[in-house]
Amino acid sequence: MAKRKNPLKDLDAFLKQEAKNFVQPNKVEETTKEESATTYSIDRESNASLDQKEVIKFLSELKIKDSDSFYQVLKSATEKSGLESSENKMLVNTILYLQNKEGWKEAIKDYWS
């Protein structure tokens, strides 16, 4: 009895081989080393610092535990960096929308007035 060929497997193997010829992907370990090398100063007086992984871990835990506090942290950080740019204004508006899904138009009006 003849064995059936699976053209999808053949096509998948061919595409994987061709992709290797075009682009060599970075190893995952290299990107995590670069991410962990980035540090952020929390408090200038205490010289404490966090790396990017710790900041992400803190923010993700805060989002799970108390999403209102999470949004407040993001909004405060955006406000401290300045509200002159359109990106920061859009970010604040998005945060206000997420905090007040029912009355988001009023929340945005109240914030900017």
PDB file of N, CA and C in Angstrom:
ATOM      1  N   MET A   1       0.829  -1.170   0.000  1.00  0.00           N
ATOM      2  CA  MET A   1       0.000   0.000   0.000  1.00  0.00           C
ATOM      3  C   MET A   1       0.883   1.246   0.000  1.00  0.00           C
ATOM      4  N   ALA A   2       0.551   2.161  -0.867  1.00  0.00           N
ATOM      5  CA  ALA A   2       1.354   3.375  -1.020  1.00  0.00           C
ATOM      6  C   ALA A   2       1.030   4.367   0.099  1.00  0.00           C
ATOM      7  N   LYS A   3       2.046   5.019   0.552  1.00  0.00           N
ATOM      8  CA  LYS A   3       1.874   6.033   1.603  1.00  0.00           C
ATOM      9  C   LYS A   3       1.464   7.348   0.950  1.00  0.00           C
ATOM     10  N   ARG A   4       0.440   8.024   1.522  1.00  0.00           N
ATOM     11  CA  ARG A   4      -0.032   9.290   0.964  1.00  0.00           C
ATOM     12  C   ARG A   4       0.911  10.421   1.335  1.00  0.00           C
ATOM     13  N   LYS A   5       1.113  11.298   0.391  1.00  0.00           N
ATOM     14  CA  LYS A   5       1.938  12.477   0.652  1.00  0.00           C
ATOM     15  C   LYS A   5       1.066  13.573   1.222  1.00  0.00           C
ATOM     16  N   ASN A   6       1.646  14.381   2.085  1.00  0.00           N
ATOM     17  CA  ASN A   6       0.937  15.527   2.647  1.00  0.00           C
ATOM     18  C   ASN A   6       1.554  16.784   2.033  1.00  0.00           C
ATOM     19  N   PRO A   7       0.862  17.395   1.056  1.00  0.00           N
ATOM     20  CA  PRO A   7       1.447  18.571   0.393  1.00  0.00           C
ATOM     21  C   PRO A   7       1.618  19.766   1.336  1.00  0.00           C
ATOM     22  N   LEU A   8       0.790  19.865   2.378  1.00  0.00           N
ATOM     23  CA  LEU A   8       0.944  20.976   3.315  1.00  0.00           C
ATOM     24  C   LEU A   8       2.247  20.870   4.098  1.00  0.00           C
ATOM     25  N   LYS A   9       2.610  19.660   4.483  1.00  0.00           N
ATOM     26  CA  LYS A   9       3.888  19.480   5.188  1.00  0.00           C
ATOM     27  C   LYS A   9       5.056  19.817   4.274  1.00  0.00           C
ATOM     28  N   ASP A  10       4.953  19.404   3.010  1.00  0.00           N
ATOM     29  CA  ASP A  10       6.013  19.711   2.047  1.00  0.00           C
ATOM     30  C   ASP A  10       6.130  21.219   1.837  1.00  0.00           C
ATOM     31  N   LEU A  11       4.982  21.888   1.707  1.00  0.00           N
ATOM     32  CA  LEU A  11       4.981  23.332   1.516  1.00  0.00           C
ATOM     33  C   LEU A  11       5.552  24.040   2.745  1.00  0.00           C
ATOM     34  N   ASP A  12       5.156  23.582   3.937  1.00  0.00           N
ATOM     35  CA  ASP A  12       5.658  24.178   5.177  1.00  0.00           C
ATOM     36  C   ASP A  12       7.174  24.034   5.276  1.00  0.00           C
ATOM     37  N   ALA A  13       7.681  22.871   4.961  1.00  0.00           N
ATOM     38  CA  ALA A  13       9.129  22.643   5.002  1.00  0.00           C
ATOM     39  C   ALA A  13       9.847  23.529   3.994  1.00  0.00           C
ATOM     40  N   PHE A  14       9.271  23.657   2.800  1.00  0.00           N
ATOM     41  CA  PHE A  14       9.867  24.500   1.770  1.00  0.00           C
ATOM     42  C   PHE A  14       9.910  25.960   2.217  1.00  0.00           C
ATOM     43  N   LEU A  15       8.792  26.455   2.761  1.00  0.00           N
ATOM     44  CA  LEU A  15       8.740  27.853   3.191  1.00  0.00           C
ATOM     45  C   LEU A  15       9.706  28.130   4.337  1.00  0.00           C
ATOM     46  N   LYS A  16       9.833  27.187   5.259  1.00  0.00           N
ATOM     47  CA  LYS A  16      10.792  27.360   6.350  1.00  0.00           C
ATOM     48  C   LYS A  16      12.213  27.442   5.815  1.00  0.00           C
ATOM     49  N   GLN A  17      12.524  26.589   4.855  1.00  0.00           N
ATOM     50  CA  GLN A  17      13.862  26.599   4.263  1.00  0.00           C
ATOM     51  C   GLN A  17      14.132  27.911   3.539  1.00  0.00           C
ATOM     52  N   GLU A  18      13.156  28.389   2.782  1.00  0.00           N
ATOM     53  CA  GLU A  18      13.317  29.641   2.064  1.00  0.00           C
ATOM     54  C   GLU A  18      13.444  30.830   3.016  1.00  0.00           C
ATOM     55  N   ALA A  19      12.686  30.799   4.119  1.00  0.00           N
ATOM     56  CA  ALA A  19      12.746  31.890   5.086  1.00  0.00           C
ATOM     57  C   ALA A  19      14.138  31.988   5.702  1.00  0.00           C
ATOM     58  N   LYS A  20      14.778  30.863   5.917  1.00  0.00           N
ATOM     59  CA  LYS A  20      16.133  30.873   6.475  1.00  0.00           C
ATOM     60  C   LYS A  20      17.120  31.547   5.536  1.00  0.00           C
ATOM     61  N   ASN A  21      16.858  31.463   4.250  1.00  0.00           N
ATOM     62  CA  ASN A  21      17.737  32.090   3.274  1.00  0.00           C
ATOM     63  C   ASN A  21      17.614  33.611   3.280  1.00  0.00           C
ATOM     64  N   PHE A  22      16.442  34.129   3.633  1.00  0.00           N
ATOM     65  CA  PHE A  22      16.206  35.573   3.617  1.00  0.00           C
ATOM     66  C   PHE A  22      16.620  36.248   4.911  1.00  0.00           C
ATOM     67  N   VAL A  23      16.216  35.688   6.038  1.00  0.00           N
ATOM     68  CA  VAL A  23      16.414  36.350   7.323  1.00  0.00           C
ATOM     69  C   VAL A  23      16.870  35.346   8.363  1.00  0.00           C
ATOM     70  N   GLN A  24      17.881  35.724   9.085  1.00  0.00           N
ATOM     71  CA  GLN A  24      18.311  34.916  10.225  1.00  0.00           C
ATOM     72  C   GLN A  24      17.755  35.561  11.488  1.00  0.00           C
ATOM     73  N   PRO A  25      16.786  34.938  12.156  1.00  0.00           N
ATOM     74  CA  PRO A  25      16.199  35.565  13.343  1.00  0.00           C
ATOM     75  C   PRO A  25      17.191  35.659  14.493  1.00  0.00           C
ATOM     76  N   ASN A  26      17.007  36.700  15.321  1.00  0.00           N
ATOM     77  CA  ASN A  26      17.836  36.849  16.508  1.00  0.00           C
ATOM     78  C   ASN A  26      17.460  35.786  17.520  1.00  0.00           C
ATOM     79  N   LYS A  27      18.435  35.389  18.286  1.00  0.00           N
ATOM     80  CA  LYS A  27      18.145  34.430  19.335  1.00  0.00           C
ATOM     81  C   LYS A  27      17.371  35.126  20.449  1.00  0.00           C
ATOM     82  N   VAL A  28      16.493  34.400  21.100  1.00  0.00           N
ATOM     83  CA  VAL A  28      15.676  34.963  22.170  1.00  0.00           C
ATOM     84  C   VAL A  28      16.554  35.408  23.328  1.00  0.00           C
ATOM     85  N   GLU A  29      17.598  34.686  23.603  1.00  0.00           N
ATOM     86  CA  GLU A  29      18.489  35.024  24.712  1.00  0.00           C
ATOM     87  C   GLU A  29      19.126  36.394  24.527  1.00  0.00           C
ATOM     88  N   GLU A  30      19.461  36.754  23.299  1.00  0.00           N
ATOM     89  CA  GLU A  30      20.095  38.040  23.042  1.00  0.00           C
ATOM     90  C   GLU A  30      19.159  39.200  23.360  1.00  0.00           C
ATOM     91  N   THR A  31      17.882  39.075  23.017  1.00  0.00           N
ATOM     92  CA  THR A  31      16.952  40.167  23.285  1.00  0.00           C
ATOM     93  C   THR A  31      16.682  40.305  24.771  1.00  0.00           C
ATOM     94  N   THR A  32      16.641  39.193  25.505  1.00  0.00           N
ATOM     95  CA  THR A  32      16.403  39.313  26.938  1.00  0.00           C
ATOM     96  C   THR A  32      17.602  39.940  27.637  1.00  0.00           C
ATOM     97  N   LYS A  33      18.802  39.712  27.140  1.00  0.00           N
ATOM     98  CA  LYS A  33      19.978  40.349  27.722  1.00  0.00           C
ATOM     99  C   LYS A  33      19.920  41.855  27.509  1.00  0.00           C
ATOM    100  N   GLU A  34      19.490  42.269  26.316  1.00  0.00           N
ATOM    101  CA  GLU A  34      19.381  43.697  26.025  1.00  0.00           C
ATOM    102  C   GLU A  34      18.315  44.351  26.889  1.00  0.00           C
ATOM    103  N   GLU A  35      17.185  43.674  27.077  1.00  0.00           N
ATOM    104  CA  GLU A  35      16.104  44.226  27.888  1.00  0.00           C
ATOM    105  C   GLU A  35      16.514  44.350  29.343  1.00  0.00           C
ATOM    106  N   SER A  36      17.207  43.344  29.861  1.00  0.00           N
ATOM    107  CA  SER A  36      17.577  43.393  31.268  1.00  0.00           C
ATOM    108  C   SER A  36      18.694  44.396  31.525  1.00  0.00           C
ATOM    109  N   ALA A  37      19.417  44.789  30.492  1.00  0.00           N
ATOM    110  CA  ALA A  37      20.484  45.764  30.669  1.00  0.00           C
ATOM    111  C   ALA A  37      19.943  47.172  30.884  1.00  0.00           C
ATOM    112  N   THR A  38      18.715  47.427  30.458  1.00  0.00           N
ATOM    113  CA  THR A  38      18.114  48.737  30.614  1.00  0.00           C
ATOM    114  C   THR A  38      17.677  48.919  32.054  1.00  0.00           C
ATOM    115  N   THR A  39      18.119  50.011  32.684  1.00  0.00           N
ATOM    116  CA  THR A  39      17.710  50.278  34.061  1.00  0.00           C
ATOM    117  C   THR A  39      17.046  51.634  34.136  1.00  0.00           C
ATOM    118  N   TYR A  40      16.190  51.785  35.113  1.00  0.00           N
ATOM    119  CA  TYR A  40      15.462  53.027  35.313  1.00  0.00           C
ATOM    120  C   TYR A  40      15.685  53.487  36.744  1.00  0.00           C
ATOM    121  N   SER A  41      15.972  54.748  36.915  1.00  0.00           N
ATOM    122  CA  SER A  41      16.158  55.302  38.241  1.00  0.00           C
ATOM    123  C   SER A  41      14.791  55.633  38.829  1.00  0.00           C
ATOM    124  N   ILE A  42      14.506  55.102  40.020  1.00  0.00           N
ATOM    125  CA  ILE A  42      13.222  55.339  40.672  1.00  0.00           C
ATOM    126  C   ILE A  42      13.266  56.614  41.488  1.00  0.00           C
ATOM    127  N   ASP A  43      14.271  56.704  42.316  1.00  0.00           N
ATOM    128  CA  ASP A  43      14.362  57.832  43.221  1.00  0.00           C
ATOM    129  C   ASP A  43      15.802  58.320  43.189  1.00  0.00           C
ATOM    130  N   ARG A  44      15.995  59.549  42.796  1.00  0.00           N
ATOM    131  CA  ARG A  44      17.358  60.068  42.667  1.00  0.00           C
ATOM    132  C   ARG A  44      18.090  60.118  43.995  1.00  0.00           C
ATOM    133  N   GLU A  45      17.360  60.355  45.079  1.00  0.00           N
ATOM    134  CA  GLU A  45      18.012  60.477  46.379  1.00  0.00           C
ATOM    135  C   GLU A  45      18.484  59.129  46.919  1.00  0.00           C
ATOM    136  N   SER A  46      17.711  58.066  46.670  1.00  0.00           N
ATOM    137  CA  SER A  46      18.090  56.770  47.226  1.00  0.00           C
ATOM    138  C   SER A  46      18.957  55.950  46.274  1.00  0.00           C
ATOM    139  N   ASN A  47      19.121  56.423  45.029  1.00  0.00           N
ATOM    140  CA  ASN A  47      19.906  55.731  44.009  1.00  0.00           C
ATOM    141  C   ASN A  47      19.387  54.325  43.731  1.00  0.00           C
ATOM    142  N   ALA A  48      18.118  54.077  44.022  1.00  0.00           N
ATOM    143  CA  ALA A  48      17.520  52.786  43.714  1.00  0.00           C
ATOM    144  C   ALA A  48      17.211  52.734  42.224  1.00  0.00           C
ATOM    145  N   SER A  49      17.323  51.567  41.660  1.00  0.00           N
ATOM    146  CA  SER A  49      17.010  51.434  40.248  1.00  0.00           C
ATOM    147  C   SER A  49      16.342  50.090  39.993  1.00  0.00           C
ATOM    148  N   LEU A  50      15.560  50.045  38.955  1.00  0.00           N
ATOM    149  CA  LEU A  50      14.886  48.826  38.532  1.00  0.00           C
ATOM    150  C   LEU A  50      15.264  48.537  37.092  1.00  0.00           C
ATOM    151  N   ASP A  51      15.378  47.281  36.766  1.00  0.00           N
ATOM    152  CA  ASP A  51      15.557  46.991  35.359  1.00  0.00           C
ATOM    153  C   ASP A  51      14.188  46.854  34.707  1.00  0.00           C
ATOM    154  N   GLN A  52      14.174  46.766  33.420  1.00  0.00           N
ATOM    155  CA  GLN A  52      12.932  46.774  32.655  1.00  0.00           C
ATOM    156  C   GLN A  52      12.023  45.609  33.048  1.00  0.00           C
ATOM    157  N   LYS A  53      12.596  44.456  33.318  1.00  0.00           N
ATOM    158  CA  LYS A  53      11.787  43.298  33.702  1.00  0.00           C
ATOM    159  C   LYS A  53      11.042  43.549  35.008  1.00  0.00           C
ATOM    160  N   GLU A  54      11.702  44.176  35.961  1.00  0.00           N
ATOM    161  CA  GLU A  54      11.061  44.457  37.246  1.00  0.00           C
ATOM    162  C   GLU A  54       9.929  45.463  37.085  1.00  0.00           C
ATOM    163  N   VAL A  55      10.126  46.466  36.235  1.00  0.00           N
ATOM    164  CA  VAL A  55       9.085  47.464  35.985  1.00  0.00           C
ATOM    165  C   VAL A  55       7.874  46.790  35.350  1.00  0.00           C
ATOM    166  N   ILE A  56       8.114  45.946  34.356  1.00  0.00           N
ATOM    167  CA  ILE A  56       7.022  45.245  33.690  1.00  0.00           C
ATOM    168  C   ILE A  56       6.304  44.316  34.664  1.00  0.00           C
ATOM    169  N   LYS A  57       7.054  43.631  35.496  1.00  0.00           N
ATOM    170  CA  LYS A  57       6.448  42.730  36.480  1.00  0.00           C
ATOM    171  C   LYS A  57       5.574  43.523  37.450  1.00  0.00           C
ATOM    172  N   PHE A  58       6.084  44.635  37.937  1.00  0.00           N
ATOM    173  CA  PHE A  58       5.319  45.470  38.867  1.00  0.00           C
ATOM    174  C   PHE A  58       4.030  45.973  38.223  1.00  0.00           C
ATOM    175  N   LEU A  59       4.140  46.498  37.009  1.00  0.00           N
ATOM    176  CA  LEU A  59       2.963  47.047  36.337  1.00  0.00           C
ATOM    177  C   LEU A  59       1.934  45.967  36.009  1.00  0.00           C
ATOM    178  N   SER A  60       2.390  44.805  35.592  1.00  0.00           N
ATOM    179  CA  SER A  60       1.434  43.738  35.276  1.00  0.00           C
ATOM    180  C   SER A  60       0.731  43.241  36.527  1.00  0.00           C
ATOM    181  N   GLU A  61       1.444  43.150  37.654  1.00  0.00           N
ATOM    182  CA  GLU A  61       0.805  42.750  38.913  1.00  0.00           C
ATOM    183  C   GLU A  61      -0.172  43.817  39.386  1.00  0.00           C
ATOM    184  N   LEU A  62       0.190  45.080  39.232  1.00  0.00           N
ATOM    185  CA  LEU A  62      -0.699  46.175  39.615  1.00  0.00           C
ATOM    186  C   LEU A  62      -1.960  46.167  38.762  1.00  0.00           C
ATOM    187  N   LYS A  63      -1.819  45.894  37.479  1.00  0.00           N
ATOM    188  CA  LYS A  63      -2.983  45.841  36.580  1.00  0.00           C
ATOM    189  C   LYS A  63      -3.948  44.744  37.013  1.00  0.00           C
ATOM    190  N   ILE A  64      -3.415  43.609  37.411  1.00  0.00           N
ATOM    191  CA  ILE A  64      -4.256  42.488  37.839  1.00  0.00           C
ATOM    192  C   ILE A  64      -4.948  42.804  39.156  1.00  0.00           C
ATOM    193  N   LYS A  65      -4.195  43.375  40.102  1.00  0.00           N
ATOM    194  CA  LYS A  65      -4.740  43.626  41.441  1.00  0.00           C
ATOM    195  C   LYS A  65      -5.669  44.830  41.490  1.00  0.00           C
ATOM    196  N   ASP A  66      -5.270  45.931  40.864  1.00  0.00           N
ATOM    197  CA  ASP A  66      -6.035  47.172  40.970  1.00  0.00           C
ATOM    198  C   ASP A  66      -5.850  47.983  39.695  1.00  0.00           C
ATOM    199  N   SER A  67      -6.759  47.792  38.757  1.00  0.00           N
ATOM    200  CA  SER A  67      -6.585  48.443  37.453  1.00  0.00           C
ATOM    201  C   SER A  67      -6.709  49.965  37.553  1.00  0.00           C
ATOM    202  N   ASP A  68      -7.502  50.489  38.497  1.00  0.00           N
ATOM    203  CA  ASP A  68      -7.593  51.945  38.647  1.00  0.00           C
ATOM    204  C   ASP A  68      -6.245  52.547  39.048  1.00  0.00           C
ATOM    205  N   SER A  69      -5.551  51.904  39.968  1.00  0.00           N
ATOM    206  CA  SER A  69      -4.218  52.377  40.362  1.00  0.00           C
ATOM    207  C   SER A  69      -3.235  52.267  39.200  1.00  0.00           C
ATOM    208  N   PHE A  70      -3.361  51.202  38.434  1.00  0.00           N
ATOM    209  CA  PHE A  70      -2.508  51.011  37.264  1.00  0.00           C
ATOM    210  C   PHE A  70      -2.663  52.178  36.295  1.00  0.00           C
ATOM    211  N   TYR A  71      -3.923  52.522  35.987  1.00  0.00           N
ATOM    212  CA  TYR A  71      -4.172  53.636  35.071  1.00  0.00           C
ATOM    213  C   TYR A  71      -3.707  54.959  35.669  1.00  0.00           C
ATOM    214  N   GLN A  72      -3.861  55.127  36.964  1.00  0.00           N
ATOM    215  CA  GLN A  72      -3.421  56.356  37.618  1.00  0.00           C
ATOM    216  C   GLN A  72      -1.897  56.504  37.533  1.00  0.00           C
ATOM    217  N   VAL A  73      -1.181  55.400  37.690  1.00  0.00           N
ATOM    218  CA  VAL A  73       0.284  55.433  37.571  1.00  0.00           C
ATOM    219  C   VAL A  73       0.685  55.844  36.155  1.00  0.00           C
ATOM    220  N   LEU A  74       0.048  55.246  35.166  1.00  0.00           N
ATOM    221  CA  LEU A  74       0.360  55.593  33.779  1.00  0.00           C
ATOM    222  C   LEU A  74       0.039  57.054  33.482  1.00  0.00           C
ATOM    223  N   LYS A  75      -1.110  57.521  33.989  1.00  0.00           N
ATOM    224  CA  LYS A  75      -1.502  58.908  33.752  1.00  0.00           C
ATOM    225  C   LYS A  75      -0.541  59.864  34.444  1.00  0.00           C
ATOM    226  N   SER A  76      -0.155  59.567  35.671  1.00  0.00           N
ATOM    227  CA  SER A  76       0.781  60.432  36.402  1.00  0.00           C
ATOM    228  C   SER A  76       2.135  60.488  35.708  1.00  0.00           C
ATOM    229  N   ALA A  77       2.606  59.361  35.238  1.00  0.00           N
ATOM    230  CA  ALA A  77       3.895  59.328  34.535  1.00  0.00           C
ATOM    231  C   ALA A  77       3.824  60.142  33.252  1.00  0.00           C
ATOM    232  N   THR A  78       2.701  60.044  32.563  1.00  0.00           N
ATOM    233  CA  THR A  78       2.528  60.815  31.326  1.00  0.00           C
ATOM    234  C   THR A  78       2.457  62.299  31.623  1.00  0.00           C
ATOM    235  N   GLU A  79       1.746  62.664  32.680  1.00  0.00           N
ATOM    236  CA  GLU A  79       1.642  64.078  33.060  1.00  0.00           C
ATOM    237  C   GLU A  79       2.998  64.661  33.430  1.00  0.00           C
ATOM    238  N   LYS A  80       3.827  63.875  34.130  1.00  0.00           N
ATOM    239  CA  LYS A  80       5.148  64.367  34.534  1.00  0.00           C
ATOM    240  C   LYS A  80       6.057  64.573  33.333  1.00  0.00           C
ATOM    241  N   SER A  81       5.856  63.786  32.286  1.00  0.00           N
ATOM    242  CA  SER A  81       6.711  63.947  31.110  1.00  0.00           C
ATOM    243  C   SER A  81       6.229  65.079  30.210  1.00  0.00           C
ATOM    244  N   GLY A  82       5.064  65.636  30.516  1.00  0.00           N
ATOM    245  CA  GLY A  82       4.567  66.788  29.768  1.00  0.00           C
ATOM    246  C   GLY A  82       3.417  66.424  28.854  1.00  0.00           C
ATOM    247  N   LEU A  83       2.459  67.321  28.776  1.00  0.00           N
ATOM    248  CA  LEU A  83       1.274  67.074  27.957  1.00  0.00           C
ATOM    249  C   LEU A  83       1.277  67.907  26.679  1.00  0.00           C
ATOM    250  N   GLU A  84       2.443  68.364  26.265  1.00  0.00           N
ATOM    251  CA  GLU A  84       2.535  69.184  25.071  1.00  0.00           C
ATOM    252  C   GLU A  84       2.401  68.354  23.798  1.00  0.00           C
ATOM    253  N   SER A  85       2.909  67.146  23.824  1.00  0.00           N
ATOM    254  CA  SER A  85       2.914  66.342  22.594  1.00  0.00           C
ATOM    255  C   SER A  85       1.558  65.691  22.359  1.00  0.00           C
ATOM    256  N   SER A  86       1.254  65.481  21.102  1.00  0.00           N
ATOM    257  CA  SER A  86      -0.022  64.854  20.751  1.00  0.00           C
ATOM    258  C   SER A  86      -0.070  63.399  21.205  1.00  0.00           C
ATOM    259  N   GLU A  87       1.085  62.737  21.262  1.00  0.00           N
ATOM    260  CA  GLU A  87       1.128  61.354  21.731  1.00  0.00           C
ATOM    261  C   GLU A  87       0.722  61.258  23.193  1.00  0.00           C
ATOM    262  N   ASN A  88       1.229  62.191  24.016  1.00  0.00           N
ATOM    263  CA  ASN A  88       0.882  62.173  25.436  1.00  0.00           C
ATOM    264  C   ASN A  88      -0.584  62.518  25.656  1.00  0.00           C
ATOM    265  N   LYS A  89      -1.096  63.455  24.862  1.00  0.00           N
ATOM    266  CA  LYS A  89      -2.518  63.793  24.971  1.00  0.00           C
ATOM    267  C   LYS A  89      -3.382  62.593  24.615  1.00  0.00           C
ATOM    268  N   MET A  90      -2.993  61.891  23.556  1.00  0.00           N
ATOM    269  CA  MET A  90      -3.750  60.717  23.140  1.00  0.00           C
ATOM    270  C   MET A  90      -3.671  59.619  24.200  1.00  0.00           C
ATOM    271  N   LEU A  91      -2.507  59.465  24.812  1.00  0.00           N
ATOM    272  CA  LEU A  91      -2.345  58.463  25.856  1.00  0.00           C
ATOM    273  C   LEU A  91      -3.233  58.772  27.058  1.00  0.00           C
ATOM    274  N   VAL A  92      -3.271  60.033  27.477  1.00  0.00           N
ATOM    275  CA  VAL A  92      -4.130  60.432  28.603  1.00  0.00           C
ATOM    276  C   VAL A  92      -5.593  60.198  28.244  1.00  0.00           C
ATOM    277  N   ASN A  93      -5.990  60.566  27.035  1.00  0.00           N
ATOM    278  CA  ASN A  93      -7.375  60.342  26.614  1.00  0.00           C
ATOM    279  C   ASN A  93      -7.729  58.853  26.606  1.00  0.00           C
ATOM    280  N   THR A  94      -6.792  58.028  26.182  1.00  0.00           N
ATOM    281  CA  THR A  94      -7.022  56.581  26.179  1.00  0.00           C
ATOM    282  C   THR A  94      -7.164  56.050  27.598  1.00  0.00           C
ATOM    283  N   ILE A  95      -6.321  56.522  28.494  1.00  0.00           N
ATOM    284  CA  ILE A  95      -6.404  56.096  29.897  1.00  0.00           C
ATOM    285  C   ILE A  95      -7.737  56.528  30.498  1.00  0.00           C
ATOM    286  N   LEU A  96      -8.158  57.761  30.208  1.00  0.00           N
ATOM    287  CA  LEU A  96      -9.444  58.241  30.717  1.00  0.00           C
ATOM    288  C   LEU A  96     -10.595  57.403  30.164  1.00  0.00           C
ATOM    289  N   TYR A  97     -10.499  57.029  28.916  1.00  0.00           N
ATOM    290  CA  TYR A  97     -11.530  56.167  28.326  1.00  0.00           C
ATOM    291  C   TYR A  97     -11.582  54.821  29.047  1.00  0.00           C
ATOM    292  N   LEU A  98     -10.415  54.219  29.278  1.00  0.00           N
ATOM    293  CA  LEU A  98     -10.370  52.910  29.924  1.00  0.00           C
ATOM    294  C   LEU A  98     -10.855  52.967  31.368  1.00  0.00           C
ATOM    295  N   GLN A  99     -10.612  54.085  32.043  1.00  0.00           N
ATOM    296  CA  GLN A  99     -11.071  54.232  33.422  1.00  0.00           C
ATOM    297  C   GLN A  99     -12.568  54.478  33.495  1.00  0.00           C
ATOM    298  N   ASN A 100     -13.138  55.154  32.521  1.00  0.00           N
ATOM    299  CA  ASN A 100     -14.542  55.566  32.556  1.00  0.00           C
ATOM    300  C   ASN A 100     -15.245  55.148  31.277  1.00  0.00           C
ATOM    301  N   LYS A 101     -15.422  53.870  31.077  1.00  0.00           N
ATOM    302  CA  LYS A 101     -15.988  53.403  29.809  1.00  0.00           C
ATOM    303  C   LYS A 101     -17.408  53.900  29.584  1.00  0.00           C
ATOM    304  N   GLU A 102     -18.190  54.033  30.631  1.00  0.00           N
ATOM    305  CA  GLU A 102     -19.579  54.484  30.476  1.00  0.00           C
ATOM    306  C   GLU A 102     -19.641  55.985  30.184  1.00  0.00           C
ATOM    307  N   GLY A 103     -18.910  56.787  30.948  1.00  0.00           N
ATOM    308  CA  GLY A 103     -18.959  58.236  30.788  1.00  0.00           C
ATOM    309  C   GLY A 103     -17.637  58.811  30.345  1.00  0.00           C
ATOM    310  N   TRP A 104     -17.045  58.211  29.331  1.00  0.00           N
ATOM    311  CA  TRP A 104     -15.698  58.616  28.929  1.00  0.00           C
ATOM    312  C   TRP A 104     -15.662  60.017  28.325  1.00  0.00           C
ATOM    313  N   LYS A 105     -16.726  60.428  27.645  1.00  0.00           N
ATOM    314  CA  LYS A 105     -16.722  61.773  27.051  1.00  0.00           C
ATOM    315  C   LYS A 105     -16.695  62.834  28.140  1.00  0.00           C
ATOM    316  N   GLU A 106     -17.487  62.640  29.174  1.00  0.00           N
ATOM    317  CA  GLU A 106     -17.510  63.586  30.295  1.00  0.00           C
ATOM    318  C   GLU A 106     -16.178  63.601  31.038  1.00  0.00           C
ATOM    319  N   ALA A 107     -15.581  62.419  31.212  1.00  0.00           N
ATOM    320  CA  ALA A 107     -14.297  62.341  31.917  1.00  0.00           C
ATOM    321  C   ALA A 107     -13.217  63.105  31.159  1.00  0.00           C
ATOM    322  N   ILE A 108     -13.210  62.983  29.846  1.00  0.00           N
ATOM    323  CA  ILE A 108     -12.217  63.692  29.040  1.00  0.00           C
ATOM    324  C   ILE A 108     -12.461  65.198  29.089  1.00  0.00           C
ATOM    325  N   LYS A 109     -13.733  65.604  28.998  1.00  0.00           N
ATOM    326  CA  LYS A 109     -14.063  67.045  29.091  1.00  0.00           C
ATOM    327  C   LYS A 109     -13.636  67.599  30.435  1.00  0.00           C
ATOM    328  N   ASP A 110     -13.959  66.885  31.513  1.00  0.00           N
ATOM    329  CA  ASP A 110     -13.614  67.356  32.860  1.00  0.00           C
ATOM    330  C   ASP A 110     -12.095  67.449  33.053  1.00  0.00           C
ATOM    331  N   TYR A 111     -11.374  66.478  32.525  1.00  0.00           N
ATOM    332  CA  TYR A 111      -9.923  66.478  32.701  1.00  0.00           C
ATOM    333  C   TYR A 111      -9.278  67.670  32.013  1.00  0.00           C
ATOM    334  N   TRP A 112      -9.673  67.959  30.784  1.00  0.00           N
ATOM    335  CA  TRP A 112      -9.022  69.004  30.000  1.00  0.00           C
ATOM    336  C   TRP A 112      -9.561  70.399  30.267  1.00  0.00           C
ATOM    337  N   SER A 113     -10.654  70.526  31.076  1.00  0.00           N
ATOM    338  CA  SER A 113     -11.162  71.873  31.377  1.00  0.00           C
ATOM    339  C   SER A 113     -10.667  72.379  32.714  1.00  0.00           C
TER     340      SER A 113
END
